[in-house]
Protein backbone atom coordinates (compact mmCIF):
# COMPACT_ATOMS: atom_id res chain seq x y z
CA MET A 1 0.05 -0.46 0.04
CA ARG A 2 1.42 3.30 -0.85
CA ARG A 3 0.17 6.54 0.90
CA VAL A 4 -3.28 7.53 0.17
CA GLY A 5 -3.74 11.13 -1.14
CA ARG A 6 -0.06 10.81 -3.15
CA SER A 7 -1.67 7.92 -4.75
CA ILE A 8 -4.89 5.79 -5.63
CA TYR A 9 -5.29 2.90 -3.24
CA LEU A 10 -7.24 -0.08 -5.06
CA GLY A 11 -6.33 -2.96 -2.64
CA LYS A 12 -3.35 -4.51 -1.15
CA GLY A 13 -0.49 -3.70 -3.70
CA LYS A 14 -2.45 -2.18 -5.87
CA THR A 15 -2.32 1.54 -6.34
CA PHE A 16 -1.62 3.78 -9.32
CA GLN A 17 0.50 6.83 -9.51
CA LYS A 18 3.13 6.55 -13.06
CA ARG A 19 1.55 5.09 -15.69
CA GLU A 20 3.31 2.95 -17.59
CA SER A 21 0.30 3.26 -20.38
CA VAL A 22 1.14 7.01 -20.37
CA GLY A 23 4.76 6.20 -20.88
CA LYS A 24 4.29 4.03 -23.68
CA LEU A 25 1.77 6.75 -25.33
CA ILE A 26 5.35 9.19 -24.57
CA SER A 27 7.77 7.01 -26.53
CA LEU A 28 5.46 6.90 -29.38
CA LEU A 29 4.78 10.36 -29.67
CA GLU A 30 8.54 10.98 -29.58
CA GLN A 31 8.94 8.46 -32.35
CA LYS A 32 6.79 11.10 -34.59
CA GLU A 33 9.40 12.80 -36.37
CA LYS A 34 10.05 9.04 -37.61
CA CYS A 35 6.95 7.41 -39.05
CA GLU A 36 3.76 8.56 -39.81
CA ILE A 37 0.66 6.78 -38.63
CA ILE A 38 -1.79 6.38 -41.54
CA ASN A 39 -4.83 3.48 -40.98
CA GLY A 40 -3.17 1.55 -38.63
CA GLY A 41 0.23 1.31 -40.60
CA VAL A 42 3.62 2.88 -40.68
CA ILE A 43 5.43 4.61 -43.32
CA MET A 44 8.68 5.30 -42.86
CA ARG A 45 9.51 8.58 -43.74
CA LEU A 46 12.47 9.04 -46.36
CA LYS A 47 12.17 6.00 -47.96
CA MET A 48 11.92 5.35 -51.30
CA SER A 49 8.55 7.29 -53.23
CA ARG A 50 6.99 4.86 -55.10
CA ILE A 51 6.98 3.04 -50.93
CA VAL A 52 5.00 6.58 -49.97
CA VAL A 53 2.61 6.68 -53.00
CA VAL A 54 1.94 2.82 -52.28
CA GLY A 55 1.01 3.32 -48.86
CA PHE A 56 -1.63 6.19 -49.43
CA MET A 57 -3.21 4.00 -52.05
CA ILE A 58 -3.88 1.87 -49.93
CA ALA A 59 -4.89 4.35 -47.05
CA PHE A 60 -7.15 6.25 -49.51
CA LEU A 61 -8.88 2.75 -50.33
CA VAL A 62 -9.35 1.94 -46.64
CA GLY A 63 -10.73 5.01 -46.41
CA CYS A 64 -13.21 4.61 -49.62
CA PHE A 65 -14.36 1.36 -48.80
CA ALA A 66 -14.02 1.06 -45.23
CA PRO A 67 -17.28 -0.43 -43.49
CA ALA A 68 -20.16 1.79 -41.87
CA GLU A 69 -18.68 2.80 -38.42
CA ALA A 70 -20.30 0.42 -35.89
CA VAL A 71 -22.76 1.43 -33.16
CA PRO A 72 -24.89 -0.04 -30.74
CA PRO A 73 -28.11 -1.54 -32.04
CA ALA A 74 -29.88 1.01 -29.41
CA PHE A 75 -28.66 3.38 -32.03
CA THR A 76 -29.72 2.00 -35.19
CA GLU A 77 -32.76 0.68 -34.07
CA LYS A 78 -33.63 4.00 -32.26
CA THR A 79 -34.74 2.07 -29.17
CA TYR A 80 -34.76 5.63 -27.11
CA LYS A 81 -35.91 7.95 -29.57
CA GLY A 82 -37.90 10.76 -28.08
CA VAL A 83 -36.32 9.93 -24.43
CA THR A 84 -34.82 13.04 -22.94
CA LEU A 85 -31.86 13.24 -20.51
CA ARG A 86 -30.86 15.91 -18.02
CA PHE A 87 -27.68 15.93 -17.58
CA ILE A 88 -25.44 18.44 -14.67
CA ALA A 89 -21.57 19.54 -15.48
CA GLU A 90 -19.15 22.08 -14.48
CA ALA A 91 -19.54 25.49 -16.78
CA VAL A 92 -15.85 24.87 -18.24
CA PRO A 93 -14.09 24.50 -21.63
CA PRO A 94 -14.80 20.58 -21.84
CA THR A 95 -18.53 21.09 -20.90
CA GLU A 96 -19.05 23.73 -23.46
CA ALA A 97 -17.01 21.51 -26.12
CA LEU A 98 -19.48 18.82 -25.08
CA ILE A 99 -22.70 20.91 -25.85
CA LYS A 100 -21.13 21.65 -29.35
CA LEU A 101 -21.28 18.00 -30.08
CA LEU A 102 -24.62 16.87 -28.91
CA PRO A 103 -26.35 17.81 -32.09
CA LYS A 104 -24.40 14.68 -33.50
CA PHE A 105 -25.43 12.16 -30.51
CA GLU A 106 -29.06 13.40 -30.53
CA LYS A 107 -29.06 13.02 -34.48
CA VAL A 108 -27.76 9.51 -33.99
CA SER A 109 -29.63 8.17 -31.47
CA GLY A 110 -33.03 9.99 -31.93
CA MET A 111 -32.73 11.50 -28.16
CA LYS A 112 -32.62 14.73 -26.61
CA VAL A 113 -29.93 15.92 -24.44
CA ILE A 114 -30.76 18.82 -21.92
CA VAL A 115 -27.28 20.37 -20.52
CA GLU A 116 -27.22 22.36 -16.82
CA GLN A 117 -24.00 23.89 -16.23
CA TYR A 118 -22.39 25.65 -13.09
CA PRO A 119 -19.69 26.79 -11.39
CA TYR A 120 -18.23 23.76 -9.39
CA ASP A 121 -19.73 24.14 -6.20
CA HIS A 122 -23.21 24.32 -7.29
CA VAL A 123 -22.45 21.73 -9.12
CA VAL A 124 -22.14 19.31 -6.35
CA GLU A 125 -24.22 20.84 -3.82
CA LYS A 126 -27.26 20.79 -6.85
CA THR A 127 -26.49 16.82 -7.43
CA MET A 128 -26.24 16.02 -3.90
CA MET A 129 -29.28 17.46 -2.99
CA ASP A 130 -30.72 15.53 -6.08
CA LEU A 131 -29.83 12.56 -5.25
CA ALA A 132 -30.52 12.68 -1.46
CA GLY A 133 -33.86 14.18 -2.32
CA LYS A 134 -34.69 11.77 -4.86
CA THR A 135 -36.42 14.31 -7.12
CA ARG A 136 -34.55 12.44 -9.56
CA ILE A 137 -33.80 16.02 -11.57
CA TYR A 138 -30.99 14.59 -13.70
CA ASP A 139 -30.37 11.27 -15.70
CA VAL A 140 -26.63 11.47 -16.09
CA LEU A 141 -24.08 13.13 -13.51
CA SER A 142 -20.77 14.67 -14.34
CA VAL A 143 -19.03 14.33 -10.90
CA PRO A 144 -15.59 14.98 -9.59
CA TYR A 145 -13.71 11.07 -8.90
CA GLU A 146 -12.57 12.44 -5.53
CA TYR A 147 -16.71 11.72 -4.68
CA LEU A 148 -16.61 8.52 -6.32
CA GLY A 149 -16.54 6.38 -2.69
CA GLN A 150 -18.89 8.55 -1.14
CA LEU A 151 -21.48 8.29 -3.42
CA VAL A 152 -21.47 4.32 -3.90
CA GLU A 153 -21.43 4.06 -0.09
CA MET A 154 -24.72 6.13 0.54
CA GLY A 155 -26.28 4.09 -2.48
CA TYR A 156 -26.79 7.34 -4.68
CA ILE A 157 -25.08 5.60 -8.14
CA MET A 158 -25.57 2.44 -10.25
CA PRO A 159 -22.92 0.30 -11.40
CA ILE A 160 -22.68 -0.38 -15.14
CA LYS A 161 -21.45 -3.73 -16.32
CA LYS A 162 -24.95 -4.89 -17.00
CA PHE A 163 -24.62 -2.13 -19.41
CA MET A 164 -21.71 -3.25 -20.41
CA LYS A 165 -23.05 -6.98 -21.14
CA ASP A 166 -25.99 -5.75 -23.05
CA PRO A 167 -25.33 -6.46 -26.67
CA GLU A 168 -28.05 -3.87 -27.63
CA LEU A 169 -26.34 -1.05 -25.61
CA ARG A 170 -22.51 -2.10 -26.05
CA ASP A 171 -20.55 -0.10 -28.21
CA PRO A 172 -18.77 -2.91 -30.48
CA GLU A 173 -15.51 -0.70 -30.72
CA ILE A 174 -15.93 0.20 -26.91
CA ASP A 175 -11.80 -0.91 -26.33
CA VAL A 176 -11.57 -0.21 -22.46
CA ALA A 177 -7.80 -0.68 -22.45
CA ASP A 178 -7.66 2.56 -24.60
CA TYR A 179 -8.97 4.55 -21.29
CA ILE A 180 -6.04 6.49 -19.74
CA GLU A 181 -5.54 3.33 -17.01
CA GLY A 182 -5.08 5.88 -13.87
CA MET A 183 -7.88 7.55 -14.84
CA TRP A 184 -9.98 4.55 -15.15
CA LYS A 185 -8.92 3.28 -11.84
CA ALA A 186 -9.69 6.22 -10.33
CA SER A 187 -12.49 7.33 -11.63
CA ALA A 188 -14.49 4.69 -12.70
CA GLU A 189 -13.85 1.71 -10.45
CA TRP A 190 -14.92 1.56 -6.77
CA LYS A 191 -13.89 -1.75 -4.43
CA GLY A 192 -13.86 -3.82 -7.77
CA LYS A 193 -17.04 -2.79 -9.50
CA LEU A 194 -17.28 -0.32 -12.09
CA TYR A 195 -19.55 2.45 -12.04
CA GLY A 196 -18.89 4.98 -14.64
CA PHE A 197 -16.90 6.70 -17.77
CA PRO A 198 -13.96 9.00 -16.85
CA SER A 199 -14.84 12.01 -18.48
CA ASN A 200 -11.51 14.45 -19.42
CA SER A 201 -8.58 13.96 -17.59
CA CYS A 202 -7.64 17.48 -15.78
CA ILE A 203 -4.38 17.42 -14.25
CA MET A 204 -2.22 20.58 -13.30
CA PHE A 205 1.08 22.10 -13.85
CA VAL A 206 3.05 25.35 -14.19
CA TRP A 207 1.62 27.79 -16.26
CA TYR A 208 4.03 30.54 -17.19
CA ARG A 209 4.98 33.14 -19.48
CA ARG A 210 7.70 32.10 -22.00
CA ASP A 211 8.04 35.99 -23.68
CA LEU A 212 9.25 37.06 -20.21
CA LEU A 213 10.76 34.33 -18.66
CA GLU A 214 12.85 34.01 -22.47
CA ASP A 215 13.51 37.45 -22.18
CA PRO A 216 17.34 37.97 -22.85
CA VAL A 217 17.62 41.03 -20.53
CA GLU A 218 15.33 39.95 -18.13
CA ARG A 219 17.29 36.94 -17.62
CA GLU A 220 20.70 39.04 -17.24
CA THR A 221 18.45 41.41 -15.00
CA PHE A 222 17.80 38.46 -12.39
CA LYS A 223 21.23 37.15 -12.80
CA GLU A 224 22.28 40.55 -11.69
CA LYS A 225 20.19 40.46 -8.60
CA TYR A 226 19.76 36.74 -7.46
CA GLY A 227 23.44 35.51 -8.75
CA TYR A 228 22.15 32.83 -11.36
CA TYR A 229 20.34 32.29 -14.63
CA TYR A 230 16.57 30.48 -13.78
CA SER A 231 15.16 27.54 -15.37
CA ILE A 232 12.65 28.03 -17.41
CA PRO A 233 10.57 27.20 -15.91
CA PRO A 234 11.68 26.87 -12.46
CA THR A 235 12.48 23.40 -11.75
CA ASN A 236 12.47 23.81 -7.78
CA TRP A 237 11.01 26.06 -5.20
CA ILE A 238 13.59 28.52 -4.39
CA GLU A 239 13.93 29.46 -8.22
CA TYR A 240 10.09 30.02 -8.52
CA ARG A 241 10.24 32.43 -5.42
CA ASP A 242 12.89 34.25 -6.56
CA VAL A 243 11.51 34.68 -10.02
CA ALA A 244 7.86 35.26 -8.97
CA GLU A 245 9.19 38.15 -6.62
CA PHE A 246 11.37 39.52 -9.69
CA PHE A 247 8.51 39.71 -11.66
CA THR A 248 6.38 41.51 -9.32
CA ARG A 249 5.91 44.84 -10.41
CA PRO A 250 2.45 46.55 -9.27
CA GLU A 251 3.66 49.86 -11.19
CA GLU A 252 3.57 48.16 -14.41
CA ARG A 253 0.24 46.27 -12.92
CA LEU A 254 2.90 42.88 -13.36
CA TYR A 255 2.39 40.02 -10.66
CA GLY A 256 5.09 37.06 -10.78
CA VAL A 257 2.45 34.54 -9.62
CA ALA A 258 -1.29 34.13 -9.40
CA LEU A 259 -2.43 32.09 -6.30
CA GLN A 260 -5.86 29.60 -6.16
CA ALA A 261 -6.40 31.21 -2.15
CA LYS A 262 -9.72 31.56 -2.05
CA ARG A 263 -11.74 29.27 0.59
CA HIS A 264 -12.99 27.11 -1.91
CA THR A 265 -12.09 23.94 -3.95
CA ALA A 266 -9.40 25.04 -5.88
CA LEU A 267 -7.15 26.49 -2.94
CA THR A 268 -7.02 22.13 -1.70
CA CYS A 269 -6.13 21.61 -5.12
CA GLU A 270 -3.22 24.45 -5.54
CA TRP A 271 -1.98 23.45 -1.95
CA MET A 272 -1.70 19.94 -2.27
CA ASN A 273 0.70 20.02 -5.16
CA TYR A 274 3.12 22.22 -2.57
CA MET A 275 2.13 19.06 -0.31
CA TRP A 276 3.82 16.08 -2.32
CA SER A 277 6.77 17.93 -3.52
CA PHE A 278 7.54 18.49 -0.16
CA GLY A 279 7.53 14.77 0.51
CA GLY A 280 4.21 15.52 3.03
CA SER A 281 0.88 13.63 2.25
CA VAL A 282 -3.13 13.57 3.63
CA LEU A 283 -2.51 9.78 5.01
CA ASP A 284 0.11 7.38 6.14
CA GLU A 285 0.62 3.89 4.84
CA GLU A 286 -2.21 2.72 7.67
CA GLY A 287 -4.75 5.62 6.80
CA ASN A 288 -3.86 7.82 9.83
CA PRO A 289 -3.95 11.29 9.16
CA VAL A 290 -0.66 12.81 8.99
CA ILE A 291 -1.41 16.07 7.83
CA ASN A 292 0.54 18.27 10.32
CA SER A 293 3.57 16.52 9.46
CA PRO A 294 7.11 18.79 9.18
CA GLU A 295 6.71 18.33 5.37
CA ASN A 296 3.17 20.04 4.80
CA VAL A 297 4.15 22.35 7.48
CA GLU A 298 7.07 23.70 5.45
CA ALA A 299 4.62 23.60 2.73
CA LEU A 300 2.20 25.42 3.73
CA GLU A 301 4.51 28.25 4.98
CA TYR A 302 6.18 28.16 1.45
CA PHE A 303 2.92 28.78 0.09
CA VAL A 304 2.00 31.41 2.57
CA SER A 305 5.48 33.23 1.37
CA LEU A 306 3.97 33.35 -2.18
CA LEU A 307 0.74 36.02 -1.33
CA PRO A 308 3.01 38.79 -1.67
CA PHE A 309 3.84 38.40 -5.12
CA ALA A 310 0.28 37.71 -6.14
CA PRO A 311 -1.97 40.28 -7.37
CA PRO A 312 -4.56 42.21 -5.17
CA GLY A 313 -6.97 40.12 -4.06
CA SER A 314 -5.90 36.62 -4.65
CA THR A 315 -7.92 35.18 -1.30
CA THR A 316 -10.82 35.32 -4.04
CA TYR A 317 -8.84 33.55 -6.53
CA THR A 318 -10.30 29.98 -7.96
CA TRP A 319 -9.05 28.71 -11.41
CA ASP A 320 -11.06 31.04 -13.08
CA GLU A 321 -9.66 34.26 -11.80
CA VAL A 322 -6.47 32.98 -11.94
CA THR A 323 -7.25 32.23 -16.05
CA THR A 324 -8.56 35.47 -16.41
CA ALA A 325 -5.11 37.08 -15.11
CA PHE A 326 -3.43 35.29 -17.39
CA GLN A 327 -5.48 36.30 -20.25
CA LYS A 328 -5.49 40.15 -19.12
CA GLY A 329 -1.75 39.41 -19.32
CA ARG A 330 -1.10 40.11 -14.97
CA VAL A 331 0.80 37.30 -14.06
CA VAL A 332 3.50 35.23 -15.18
CA MET A 333 3.61 31.75 -13.36
CA ALA A 334 0.89 29.77 -11.68
CA ILE A 335 0.47 26.24 -10.86
CA GLN A 336 -2.93 25.56 -12.97
CA TRP A 337 -5.29 23.39 -14.37
CA ASN A 338 -4.79 21.96 -18.05
CA ASP A 339 -8.40 22.51 -19.51
CA GLN A 340 -8.41 26.22 -18.40
CA ALA A 341 -5.44 26.88 -21.23
CA PHE A 342 -7.87 26.68 -24.01
CA GLY A 343 -8.94 30.03 -22.34
CA VAL A 344 -5.74 31.41 -22.22
CA GLU A 345 -4.52 30.31 -25.55
CA ASP A 346 -8.01 31.60 -27.34
CA PRO A 347 -6.73 34.78 -29.17
CA ALA A 348 -10.42 36.35 -28.94
CA LYS A 349 -10.26 36.01 -25.49
CA SER A 350 -6.56 36.19 -24.47
CA GLU A 351 -4.02 38.70 -25.06
CA VAL A 352 -1.26 36.53 -24.07
CA ALA A 353 -2.30 33.52 -26.83
CA GLY A 354 0.74 31.83 -28.53
CA LYS A 355 2.76 33.39 -25.62
CA MET A 356 2.39 30.72 -23.06
CA SER A 357 4.36 27.33 -22.45
CA TYR A 358 3.71 24.84 -19.67
CA GLY A 359 5.61 22.81 -17.33
CA PRO A 360 6.34 20.60 -14.33
CA VAL A 361 5.52 21.48 -11.12
CA PRO A 362 8.87 22.29 -9.36
CA VAL A 363 9.97 19.75 -7.21
CA LYS A 364 11.79 19.34 -3.35
CA LYS A 365 11.87 16.10 -2.46
CA GLN A 366 9.35 14.15 -5.27
CA PRO A 367 7.16 14.86 -8.42
CA ALA A 368 3.97 16.35 -8.06
CA ALA A 369 0.87 16.73 -10.46
CA HIS A 370 -2.58 16.95 -9.34
CA PHE A 371 -4.76 14.65 -10.85
CA GLY A 372 -8.91 16.45 -10.96
CA ALA A 373 -10.63 14.68 -13.98
CA TRP A 374 -14.49 14.34 -13.57
CA SER A 375 -16.49 10.86 -14.17
CA TYR A 376 -19.82 10.38 -15.50
CA PHE A 377 -21.95 8.75 -13.51
CA ILE A 378 -25.76 6.96 -13.57
CA PRO A 379 -27.98 8.16 -10.40
CA LYS A 380 -29.80 4.65 -9.12
CA LEU A 381 -32.97 6.50 -9.21
CA SER A 382 -32.55 7.94 -13.17
CA LYS A 383 -35.23 7.75 -15.22
CA HIS A 384 -33.46 6.64 -18.01
CA PRO A 385 -30.38 4.74 -16.83
CA GLU A 386 -30.59 2.67 -20.57
CA ALA A 387 -30.61 5.80 -21.99
CA ALA A 388 -27.80 7.52 -19.86
CA TYR A 389 -25.34 5.05 -20.43
CA LEU A 390 -25.22 4.83 -24.12
CA PHE A 391 -24.81 9.12 -23.50
CA MET A 392 -21.90 8.40 -21.51
CA GLN A 393 -20.66 5.42 -23.96
CA TRP A 394 -21.25 7.99 -26.56
CA ALA A 395 -19.25 10.86 -25.35
CA THR A 396 -15.97 8.87 -23.98
CA SER A 397 -15.65 6.96 -27.21
CA LYS A 398 -12.91 7.05 -29.44
CA LYS A 399 -14.09 9.02 -32.17
CA VAL A 400 -15.94 11.80 -29.82
CA GLN A 401 -13.08 12.06 -27.66
CA ILE A 402 -10.69 13.10 -30.43
CA GLU A 403 -13.32 15.44 -31.90
CA LEU A 404 -13.59 17.03 -28.11
CA ALA A 405 -9.99 17.35 -27.74
CA ARG A 406 -10.06 19.59 -30.39
CA ILE A 407 -12.32 21.86 -29.81
CA GLY A 408 -11.82 21.77 -25.77
CA MET A 409 -12.37 18.92 -23.94
CA VAL A 410 -9.27 17.25 -22.17
CA PRO A 411 -9.22 13.39 -23.70
CA SER A 412 -9.55 10.61 -21.45
CA ARG A 413 -8.36 8.15 -24.03
CA SER A 414 -5.06 7.53 -25.20
CA SER A 415 -5.72 7.23 -28.76
CA SER A 416 -6.67 10.86 -28.68
CA PHE A 417 -3.43 12.22 -28.28
CA LEU A 418 -2.55 10.35 -31.20
CA ASP A 419 -4.15 12.08 -33.36
CA PRO A 420 -1.87 14.68 -35.29
CA GLU A 421 -4.39 18.15 -34.64
CA VAL A 422 -4.52 17.40 -30.91
CA ARG A 423 -0.73 16.87 -30.79
CA LYS A 424 -0.40 20.51 -32.15
CA ILE A 425 -2.02 21.57 -29.04
CA PRO A 426 0.74 22.80 -26.96
CA PHE A 427 -0.67 22.08 -23.14
CA PHE A 428 -1.39 18.41 -24.74
CA TYR A 429 1.97 17.38 -25.50
CA PRO A 430 3.93 16.52 -23.78
CA ALA A 431 3.12 19.02 -20.44
CA THR A 432 -0.22 16.89 -20.37
CA LEU A 433 1.09 13.82 -20.78
CA ALA A 434 3.99 13.92 -18.24
CA ALA A 435 2.11 15.37 -15.60
CA LEU A 436 -0.78 12.28 -16.13
CA GLU A 437 2.69 10.03 -15.62
CA ILE A 438 3.29 11.34 -11.89
CA SER A 439 -0.66 11.92 -11.26
CA ASN A 440 -1.18 12.49 -7.45
CA TYR A 441 -4.42 12.04 -6.55
CA ARG A 442 -7.21 13.32 -3.77
CA PRO A 443 -8.01 10.23 -1.53
CA ARG A 444 -11.82 8.29 -2.65
CA ILE A 445 -12.81 7.77 0.79
CA PRO A 446 -16.16 8.78 1.58
CA GLU A 447 -15.03 11.31 4.27
CA TRP A 448 -12.72 13.00 2.17
CA PRO A 449 -15.78 16.39 0.98
CA GLU A 450 -15.66 17.25 4.91
CA MET A 451 -12.06 16.04 5.45
CA GLU A 452 -11.33 18.44 2.35
CA SER A 453 -13.96 21.44 3.80
CA LYS A 454 -11.93 21.79 6.84
CA MET A 455 -8.31 21.41 4.90
CA GLN A 456 -9.98 24.73 3.20
CA LEU A 457 -10.71 26.57 6.29
CA ALA A 458 -7.16 26.20 7.61
CA ILE A 459 -5.43 26.98 4.87
CA SER A 460 -7.34 30.10 4.70
CA GLN A 461 -6.75 31.06 8.14
CA ALA A 462 -2.92 30.53 7.47
CA LEU A 463 -3.14 32.93 4.55
CA ALA A 464 -4.79 35.38 6.61
CA GLY A 465 -2.34 35.22 9.55
CA GLU A 466 -5.26 34.44 11.81
CA LYS A 467 -3.23 31.01 12.41
CA THR A 468 1.05 30.34 11.85
CA SER A 469 1.28 27.23 9.20
CA LYS A 470 1.90 24.66 12.03
CA GLU A 471 -1.18 26.47 14.55
CA ALA A 472 -3.65 25.88 10.97
CA LEU A 473 -2.29 22.09 10.47
CA ASP A 474 -2.12 20.92 14.31
CA TRP A 475 -6.17 21.89 14.20
CA LEU A 476 -6.62 20.54 11.19
CA GLN A 477 -4.91 17.09 12.73
CA LYS A 478 -7.44 16.81 15.48
CA GLU A 479 -10.00 17.35 13.43
CA TYR A 480 -9.33 14.78 10.74
CA LEU A 481 -8.75 12.60 14.27
CA LYS A 482 -12.78 13.11 14.54
CA ILE A 483 -13.75 12.66 11.39
CA LEU A 484 -11.86 9.08 10.84
CA GLY A 485 -12.80 8.11 14.44
CA LYS A 486 -9.18 7.66 15.53
């Protein structure tokens, strides 16, 4: 067993941290300059021209005479024609991307999908109210993966194995092995049973203004002041703080770092990167809380020390405000989610589009990359469970995941990253794949939502100066012992 909160606990001897499947995918992508993948066949570059010509002829013929796309019989027979599905999800680029493709689903299935979008907190609140109150509003849920244990233990969602075995519902080309393995284990499985599909592979890494950090004048000026050239991006926390301080220029309305410092899930999501990097964890190998460990105290002290280099009002910032700060050219670095990068790379919305780069979180004792995927689940009281399954299966299918990745979704399938257009998206390759190979996970235990709420309070008190970092985490340790009955 490894530390819970550092990796996923799946039973004795079964955890996921560095993904072998992701490593193989990275190796394959690194060969992209040596070969081109065409309809499953590999044609080596710089070979005899006739081989290339023959290859393209074969690809053309296969494309022209390939059989029609396989779909579940329930689609071809329009078994659920006229059914209306209600779906709740977070108001983020991946959901917007999915909405753009819904007409395709509605055409092939004969169904109608009504999507409700809300901020993170409201999604969780409305979902829990619907499930607890048995109001049966929603047929499909998009929920953060760490709620899986609580949803199962409270009897709120249903297993989907029976749907996967149903020949009328099963996609003949589902290929479960193609889902990113760590996502599948973290986002879909609980105690050996399958409850849903991983929907998008959100993960955190460093965003930075490439144009500023690579500026030779800035680099020389930094060296004169600090005595060394910083790495691009900074590789350790000393560099990270120094660079944040150096680029903090309030008179220019420029700040070195953005922090997700609001008392909100965003706060715990960002701080846990520091916690893992400094060698800390939430629970030890036996499941006991160790939140006030020296490593965690040091990580929180460091986090608090960055506040002077962040924009005023940072204690009201979540991932949305951090993205906006980048779009307006107000900040230089941040630890931020990959799915938010669509907004900062859009020239219509962002002043820094094309000026950004992405890299790993700085390391003190060990690499860190906070994994934050969402999952699709079916409420146990869904009015249309079979139809809901068809929708989830379609939304995470190979073809649809590639289409979504091109317009705003972070894919949950390995094959999506082989698509030439997807590979061109700067924050997908190599930054997202490198982060997924690390993948640190929040605990999925049923008690985690309450534990996270307490963590938000403790970190907020340290940021506000109401408590020292040690006092805040000592208090949090006592709260965790109560919550877990230790």
